[in-house]
Every structure is written in structure tokens, then in C-alpha cells.
Amino acid sequence: MSAALLVRALRDPASVEALRAAQWNALLAAAKAERLIATLAVRLEERAVPPAARAVLDDARADAEREAQQALWEADRAAFALRGTGVPPVLLKGAAYAAAGLEAAQGRFIGDLDILVPRAAMDQVERALLAAGWEWVKEDAYDDAYYRQWMHELPPLIHAERDRMIDVHHNILPLTARPRPDPQAMLADAVAAGEGLYVLSPEDRVIHAAAHMLADGDLQGGLRNLWDIHCLLRECDPADLDRRAERHGLARDVRQARRLAGAIYGAGTRLTLRDRLFIARLLARDGWGRETRKPLVFAFYLRSHLLRMPLPMLARHLFTKWRKGHRPQ
């Protein structure tokens, strides 16, 4: 399994020195599919790597470094656009890791800019971003109403000139989700990370990553998300993390994230049957980096929607999306 090769290479970089050509192909295919190839490049910097593989890794690392620079510039532009509102953006995910200079940022690809602002300021923030050149990715009355009534963020915006997307959050989980995190506490404890920019506290960074992976998502890109968690766990005190997770109603997800990170990237830990099912989903890739175990993958897709909303609401939502042409990948 190519995903297992990737996990082993990240956990023990010396293991790659015994790989055969076919295994290198499988490793690189999995790393590309999981968007971990630049992270792998960082981990293998001091290792003996075949020249063809080294070229692929070097290119990926350069791409990730360029994305990080673009993400930090976009964060600066968002902070500038919001300066007149008095609402400093709190960076989330990859841009936050890069701004704070965290281990999790090393080789991490960064796509959209994600920010957290107070819910009461959403209208003000929206107007400021639109005035500064951002526009709606696509105008759809149903999606717009759905986001504004039920989601934890605005519909996505894209800058007209820079072609970069921004997701503006007022919480870390949808309003229909079962856990009810306290975004005001997260905003209150955010720490400065450059002029006009903030990031979540170390504990809240782990909690957000665990919520994104386990309480909201379908585990697409789960190995990368788990690598984030593995790195972020080193930045916080376990006891403080437990107390903070309880406050946000995410203690179960944080405990599972720690077990999974320990099992996949750490020294191992005792796993539950549920954990093993999650690991089977995380490692579902063949030697070409393609997803396998399609029924399991689809089950996690359905699970992600059930976590977001009650079943009757989910049925209506999926039927509406299906009528509009949306199909799960």
C-alpha cells in the first residue's frame, strides 16, 4: 500500500534508503495524492534519494515555499483591507502555521486563506473585502442562503486580480454540528503573529485541526491533516489541551486525534476498533496513489454530512445539490 510507504517514510526517513524503484513510484504517488510531497522532501533532505526522485521532491518543495509566500502576502492584504474595521483577522490552518513559523508549516502546501472573525462583525468584514477587490466565487441563491443560515463561514470569495480565495469563518464548525465550540474564547486567546495578524493559541490550533479532520470532514487528505496534528501537539501542554478541548465540546475528537497521530506518526498507542476503521480509511490508496476501499470512502463521505446536520435536513440538502448537478467524487 502506497499510503503505508508514505507514513513510514515520514515517521522514519531512513527507511527510504532500502526502497526499490517501484516502491519509490508508489511513495511519490501517495505523497502527491495526499499533498504531503513537499513535507516528504523536507523530511528526506539529508537522505540518499535517487536523482529522479530528488528532482520531483525539490520541485515540490519549491512549489510549497512559493505557496507559503503567496499565502502570507494574501494574509497581509486581508489585514490591510480590514484595518479600517478594527477587526484583526485570526489566521487558520496553513497560513497560520506559516505566519507563526511552526514545524507544521515545513513543506506544507497552502491553498485558500482561512480567517476567523467575530460573528457580529461578519457583515462589516464582508463589505470591507468586497470593497478591496474580492468577489463571490459563484453566485447561487441556494448556496448563499445555506451558508448564511447554517454554516460557520461566508460563501467563498476570490480576489479579482490575484485569483486567491479567502474563507471567512465565525466558528470552526457549522452551526448545525453537534459540538458547539466557543469561538469567542478562541478569538480572546489568539496570539499576535505579525503586523495586524493573529493565530489561534497552541491548544486551539490542535482543537481546530482535530475538529476539521474528525468532527467535520470525510478524511479526504487525512494523512496531511494528521501530520499537522502530529506537529502541533508538540507545541502545547497535554493537560492544557485536555481542559481546552472540554471547553469546546471536542474532547472526544482531540483524544482520538492524539491516538491516531501516535499510531500513524508516533511511537504507537492502544487503539479502539473505531480508530482502526479510521486508519483503514486513511491508508486507502493503491500503488498509483488512487483511492481504494470505495464503500468505506463513501461511508465516510456520508458520515461527514451526518456530522454537519440532522438526517432530515441532510436529505433535503443532498437532494437539492443532486438536482443542481453536484455528485460526490
Protein backbone atom coordinates (compact mmCIF):
# COMPACT_ATOMS: atom_id res chain seq x y z
CA MET A 1 0.00 0.00 0.00
CA SER A 2 1.47 3.33 -1.08
CA ALA A 3 -0.02 5.23 1.88
CA ALA A 4 1.75 2.88 4.28
CA LEU A 5 5.05 3.62 2.49
CA LEU A 6 4.39 7.34 2.89
CA VAL A 7 3.62 7.03 6.59
CA ARG A 8 6.77 5.01 7.18
CA ALA A 9 8.93 7.49 5.24
CA LEU A 10 7.61 10.46 7.24
CA ARG A 11 7.98 8.65 10.54
CA ASP A 12 11.37 7.09 9.74
CA PRO A 13 13.13 8.89 6.85
CA ALA A 14 15.98 6.35 6.88
CA SER A 15 13.53 3.69 5.66
CA VAL A 16 13.55 5.11 2.13
CA GLU A 17 17.16 4.08 1.57
CA ALA A 18 16.04 0.47 1.09
CA LEU A 19 13.25 1.21 -1.41
CA ARG A 20 13.19 -0.26 -4.89
CA ALA A 21 12.20 1.74 -7.99
CA ALA A 22 8.57 0.54 -7.94
CA GLN A 23 8.30 1.47 -4.27
CA TRP A 24 9.65 4.94 -4.98
CA ASN A 25 6.97 5.39 -7.63
CA ALA A 26 4.30 4.31 -5.14
CA LEU A 27 5.72 6.56 -2.41
CA LEU A 28 5.79 9.65 -4.61
CA ALA A 29 2.31 8.92 -5.99
CA ALA A 30 0.87 8.69 -2.47
CA ALA A 31 2.73 11.80 -1.33
CA LYS A 32 1.34 13.79 -4.28
CA ALA A 33 -2.20 12.49 -3.70
CA GLU A 34 -2.07 13.43 -0.01
CA ARG A 35 -0.37 16.79 -0.70
CA LEU A 36 2.49 15.70 1.52
CA ILE A 37 5.19 15.54 -1.13
CA ALA A 38 6.90 18.79 -0.10
CA THR A 39 6.74 17.71 3.55
CA LEU A 40 8.35 14.47 2.45
CA ALA A 41 11.02 16.49 0.65
CA VAL A 42 11.84 18.29 3.91
CA ARG A 43 11.97 15.03 5.84
CA LEU A 44 14.28 13.41 3.25
CA GLU A 45 16.61 16.37 2.85
CA GLU A 46 19.58 14.55 4.38
CA ARG A 47 18.82 11.09 2.97
CA ALA A 48 20.17 9.23 -0.06
CA VAL A 49 17.46 9.59 -2.69
CA PRO A 50 17.56 8.53 -6.38
CA PRO A 51 18.25 11.54 -8.65
CA ALA A 52 14.87 11.31 -10.42
CA ALA A 53 13.04 11.25 -7.09
CA ARG A 54 15.18 14.10 -5.76
CA ALA A 55 14.18 16.27 -8.71
CA VAL A 56 10.49 15.63 -8.03
CA LEU A 57 10.94 16.37 -4.33
CA ASP A 58 12.92 19.55 -4.95
CA ASP A 59 10.27 20.86 -7.34
CA ALA A 60 7.53 20.15 -4.82
CA ARG A 61 9.44 21.89 -2.04
CA ALA A 62 9.95 24.98 -4.22
CA ASP A 63 6.22 25.00 -5.04
CA ALA A 64 5.32 24.79 -1.34
CA GLU A 65 7.68 27.63 -0.46
CA ARG A 66 6.15 29.78 -3.19
CA GLU A 67 2.65 28.98 -1.92
CA ALA A 68 3.66 29.94 1.60
CA GLN A 69 4.94 33.31 0.40
CA GLN A 70 1.73 33.89 -1.54
CA ALA A 71 -0.37 32.91 1.48
CA LEU A 72 1.45 35.33 3.78
CA TRP A 73 1.08 38.12 1.23
CA GLU A 74 -2.63 37.36 0.92
CA ALA A 75 -2.94 37.40 4.71
CA ASP A 76 -1.23 40.80 4.76
CA ARG A 77 -3.66 42.10 2.11
CA ALA A 78 -6.64 40.82 4.08
CA ALA A 79 -5.35 42.50 7.24
CA PHE A 80 -4.88 45.73 5.27
CA ALA A 81 -8.41 45.50 3.85
CA LEU A 82 -9.84 45.03 7.34
CA ARG A 83 -7.72 47.68 9.03
CA GLY A 84 -10.49 50.26 8.91
CA THR A 85 -12.97 47.86 10.54
CA GLY A 86 -10.92 47.36 13.68
CA VAL A 87 -11.28 43.58 13.19
CA PRO A 88 -7.86 41.89 13.00
CA PRO A 89 -8.05 38.57 11.13
CA VAL A 90 -7.10 35.44 13.05
CA LEU A 91 -5.38 33.13 10.57
CA LEU A 92 -6.33 29.47 10.44
CA LYS A 93 -4.71 26.32 9.04
CA GLY A 94 -1.68 26.57 6.75
CA ALA A 95 -1.37 30.36 6.65
CA ALA A 96 -1.41 30.42 10.45
CA TYR A 97 1.32 27.80 10.66
CA ALA A 98 3.48 29.76 8.21
CA ALA A 99 2.89 33.10 9.96
CA ALA A 100 3.81 31.58 13.33
CA GLY A 101 6.85 29.75 11.92
CA LEU A 102 5.62 26.36 13.12
CA GLU A 103 7.02 22.94 12.28
CA ALA A 104 3.67 22.11 10.66
CA ALA A 105 4.40 24.74 8.00
CA GLN A 106 7.54 22.98 6.73
CA GLY A 107 6.71 21.78 3.23
CA ARG A 108 3.00 22.37 3.69
CA PHE A 109 1.02 23.41 0.65
CA ILE A 110 -1.34 26.30 1.41
CA GLY A 111 -4.41 26.84 -0.71
CA ASP A 112 -7.18 29.18 0.39
CA LEU A 113 -6.68 31.79 3.07
CA ASP A 114 -8.86 30.96 6.08
CA ILE A 115 -9.57 33.59 8.73
CA LEU A 116 -11.67 33.71 11.89
CA VAL A 117 -13.52 36.88 12.90
CA PRO A 118 -16.37 37.60 15.36
CA ARG A 119 -19.80 36.64 14.07
CA ALA A 120 -21.09 40.09 14.96
CA ALA A 121 -18.52 41.59 12.59
CA MET A 122 -19.26 39.37 9.58
CA ASP A 123 -21.29 41.99 7.68
CA GLN A 124 -18.61 44.60 8.24
CA VAL A 125 -15.83 42.23 7.19
CA GLU A 126 -17.77 41.15 4.11
CA ARG A 127 -18.26 44.74 2.95
CA ALA A 128 -14.59 45.57 3.51
CA LEU A 129 -13.36 42.58 1.50
CA LEU A 130 -15.76 43.25 -1.37
CA ALA A 131 -14.59 46.87 -1.46
CA ALA A 132 -10.96 45.68 -1.56
CA GLY A 133 -11.41 43.56 -4.69
CA TRP A 134 -12.72 40.21 -3.51
CA GLU A 135 -15.83 38.85 -5.20
CA TRP A 136 -18.06 35.80 -4.90
CA VAL A 137 -16.66 32.64 -6.45
CA LYS A 138 -20.09 31.82 -7.84
CA GLU A 139 -23.43 33.41 -7.21
CA ASP A 140 -26.03 30.83 -6.32
CA ALA A 141 -29.08 31.78 -4.28
CA TYR A 142 -29.43 28.38 -2.61
CA ASP A 143 -25.75 28.11 -1.64
CA ASP A 144 -25.69 31.71 -0.41
CA ALA A 145 -28.72 31.18 1.82
CA TYR A 146 -27.38 27.84 3.05
CA TYR A 147 -24.01 29.30 4.04
CA ARG A 148 -25.50 32.28 5.80
CA GLN A 149 -28.15 30.36 7.72
CA TRP A 150 -26.37 27.17 8.66
CA MET A 151 -22.64 27.33 8.04
CA HIS A 152 -19.75 28.69 10.07
CA GLU A 153 -18.43 30.83 7.22
CA LEU A 154 -19.36 33.09 4.35
CA PRO A 155 -19.59 31.65 0.83
CA PRO A 156 -16.03 31.60 -0.58
CA LEU A 157 -14.60 34.79 -2.06
CA ILE A 158 -11.86 35.18 -4.66
CA HIS A 159 -9.75 38.23 -5.40
CA ALA A 160 -10.44 39.59 -8.87
CA GLU A 161 -6.78 40.39 -9.62
CA ARG A 162 -4.75 37.91 -7.59
CA ASP A 163 -7.07 34.92 -8.14
CA ARG A 164 -6.69 33.87 -4.49
CA MET A 165 -9.58 32.61 -2.40
CA ILE A 166 -10.48 33.57 1.15
CA ASP A 167 -12.83 31.75 3.53
CA VAL A 168 -14.18 33.97 6.30
CA HIS A 169 -15.21 31.95 9.37
CA HIS A 170 -17.05 32.97 12.51
CA ASN A 171 -16.70 29.49 14.05
CA ILE A 172 -14.73 26.31 13.40
CA LEU A 173 -17.75 24.04 12.88
CA PRO A 174 -21.12 24.53 11.18
CA LEU A 175 -23.96 25.83 13.33
CA THR A 176 -25.80 22.54 12.75
CA ALA A 177 -22.93 20.40 14.08
CA ARG A 178 -23.35 18.62 17.40
CA PRO A 179 -20.26 20.04 19.16
CA ARG A 180 -20.55 23.72 20.00
CA PRO A 181 -17.07 25.28 20.13
CA ASP A 182 -16.68 28.70 21.73
CA PRO A 183 -15.28 30.99 19.01
CA GLN A 184 -15.22 33.98 21.36
CA ALA A 185 -12.80 32.12 23.64
CA MET A 186 -10.64 31.27 20.63
CA LEU A 187 -10.58 34.89 19.50
CA ALA A 188 -9.87 36.14 23.02
CA ASP A 189 -6.84 33.86 23.40
CA ALA A 190 -5.41 34.39 19.90
CA VAL A 191 -1.77 35.46 19.79
CA ALA A 192 -0.04 38.02 17.57
CA ALA A 193 1.84 36.72 14.51
CA GLY A 194 2.97 39.78 12.63
CA GLU A 195 1.59 43.23 11.99
CA GLY A 196 -2.19 43.13 12.18
CA LEU A 197 -2.31 39.32 12.14
CA TYR A 198 -3.16 36.78 14.80
CA VAL A 199 -3.22 33.00 15.11
CA LEU A 200 -5.02 30.68 17.50
CA SER A 201 -3.38 29.65 20.74
CA PRO A 202 -1.33 26.40 20.59
CA GLU A 203 -4.15 24.41 22.20
CA ASP A 204 -6.83 25.88 19.97
CA ARG A 205 -4.72 25.12 16.89
CA VAL A 206 -4.80 21.42 17.76
CA ILE A 207 -8.50 21.56 18.58
CA HIS A 208 -9.31 23.24 15.27
CA ALA A 209 -7.24 20.71 13.32
CA ALA A 210 -8.92 17.81 15.14
CA ALA A 211 -12.38 19.31 14.59
CA HIS A 212 -11.68 19.86 10.89
CA MET A 213 -10.48 16.30 10.45
CA LEU A 214 -12.75 14.27 12.71
CA ALA A 215 -15.85 16.32 13.59
CA ASP A 216 -16.49 17.84 10.18
CA GLY A 217 -14.59 16.17 7.36
CA ASP A 218 -14.70 12.94 5.37
CA LEU A 219 -10.96 12.27 5.89
CA GLN A 220 -10.03 13.44 2.39
CA GLY A 221 -6.40 14.46 2.79
CA GLY A 222 -6.47 12.93 6.24
CA LEU A 223 -2.81 11.95 6.35
CA ARG A 224 -1.79 15.57 5.81
CA ASN A 225 -4.26 16.79 8.42
CA LEU A 226 -2.96 14.20 10.85
CA TRP A 227 0.61 15.28 10.14
CA ASP A 228 -0.44 18.82 11.07
CA ILE A 229 -1.83 17.48 14.35
CA HIS A 230 1.28 15.40 15.00
CA CYS A 231 3.43 18.53 14.68
CA LEU A 232 1.04 20.84 16.52
CA LEU A 233 0.83 18.54 19.52
CA ARG A 234 4.48 19.33 20.26
CA GLU A 235 3.59 22.98 20.75
CA CYS A 236 1.12 22.60 23.62
CA ASP A 237 0.81 21.15 27.11
CA PRO A 238 -1.34 17.96 27.20
CA ALA A 239 -3.19 18.98 30.36
CA ASP A 240 -3.98 22.44 28.99
CA LEU A 241 -5.12 20.83 25.74
CA ASP A 242 -7.49 18.48 27.58
CA ARG A 243 -9.06 21.33 29.55
CA ARG A 244 -9.44 23.47 26.45
CA ALA A 245 -10.95 20.61 24.42
CA GLU A 246 -13.55 20.05 27.15
CA ARG A 247 -14.49 23.72 27.00
CA HIS A 248 -15.09 23.50 23.25
CA GLY A 249 -17.02 20.21 23.44
CA LEU A 250 -14.37 18.46 21.37
CA ALA A 251 -12.59 16.32 23.96
CA ARG A 252 -13.52 13.06 22.26
CA ASP A 253 -12.23 14.20 18.88
CA VAL A 254 -8.99 15.55 20.35
CA ARG A 255 -8.38 12.30 22.22
CA GLN A 256 -8.92 10.32 19.04
CA ALA A 257 -6.68 12.67 17.05
CA ARG A 258 -3.90 12.09 19.57
CA ARG A 259 -4.32 8.32 19.35
CA LEU A 260 -4.33 8.37 15.54
CA ALA A 261 -1.31 10.66 15.39
CA GLY A 262 0.52 8.39 17.80
CA ALA A 263 -0.39 5.28 15.84
CA ILE A 264 0.44 6.70 12.41
CA TYR A 265 3.37 9.03 13.01
CA GLY A 266 4.48 8.42 16.59
CA ALA A 267 5.63 5.57 18.74
CA GLY A 268 2.31 3.76 18.68
CA THR A 269 -0.58 3.63 21.12
CA ARG A 270 -3.53 1.47 22.10
CA LEU A 271 -6.30 1.78 19.51
CA THR A 272 -10.03 1.26 19.63
CA LEU A 273 -11.96 -0.59 16.95
CA ARG A 274 -13.24 2.80 15.77
CA ASP A 275 -9.65 4.04 15.47
CA ARG A 276 -8.75 1.06 13.29
CA LEU A 277 -11.63 1.85 10.96
CA PHE A 278 -10.36 5.42 10.63
CA ILE A 279 -6.84 4.18 9.92
CA ALA A 280 -8.18 1.86 7.22
CA ARG A 281 -9.78 4.92 5.59
CA LEU A 282 -6.62 6.99 5.95
CA LEU A 283 -4.46 4.33 4.28
CA ALA A 284 -6.87 3.54 1.42
CA ARG A 285 -4.54 4.12 -1.56
CA ASP A 286 -3.06 1.77 -4.13
CA GLY A 287 0.41 1.82 -5.67
CA TRP A 288 -0.64 4.60 -8.06
CA GLY A 289 -1.92 6.85 -5.29
CA ARG A 290 -5.55 6.17 -6.21
CA GLU A 291 -8.18 5.76 -3.50
CA THR A 292 -9.25 2.19 -2.76
CA ARG A 293 -11.96 0.75 -0.48
CA LYS A 294 -14.63 2.79 -2.24
CA PRO A 295 -17.50 1.66 0.03
CA LEU A 296 -15.52 2.76 3.08
CA VAL A 297 -14.63 6.08 1.45
CA PHE A 298 -18.30 6.67 0.60
CA ALA A 299 -19.33 5.77 4.14
CA PHE A 300 -17.02 8.47 5.49
CA TYR A 301 -18.44 10.91 2.93
CA LEU A 302 -21.93 10.26 4.30
CA ARG A 303 -20.62 10.43 7.86
CA SER A 304 -19.19 13.89 7.23
CA HIS A 305 -22.61 15.16 6.18
CA LEU A 306 -24.38 13.48 9.10
CA LEU A 307 -21.97 15.22 11.45
CA ARG A 308 -22.92 18.56 9.94
CA MET A 309 -26.70 18.36 10.11
CA PRO A 310 -29.68 16.23 11.22
CA LEU A 311 -30.78 13.48 8.84
CA PRO A 312 -33.99 15.15 7.50
CA MET A 313 -32.08 18.35 6.76
CA LEU A 314 -29.27 16.33 5.17
CA ALA A 315 -31.69 14.52 2.89
CA ARG A 316 -33.18 17.79 1.68
CA HIS A 317 -29.75 19.34 1.19
CA LEU A 318 -28.29 16.41 -0.76
CA PHE A 319 -31.40 16.15 -2.93
CA THR A 320 -31.21 19.85 -3.74
CA LYS A 321 -27.50 19.59 -4.58
CA TRP A 322 -28.14 16.47 -6.69
CA ARG A 323 -30.82 18.30 -8.69
CA LYS A 324 -28.30 21.10 -9.32
CA GLY A 325 -25.77 18.62 -10.75
CA HIS A 326 -23.48 18.02 -7.77
CA ARG A 327 -22.09 14.48 -7.46
CA PRO A 328 -19.69 13.14 -4.79
CA GLN A 329 -16.23 12.38 -6.11
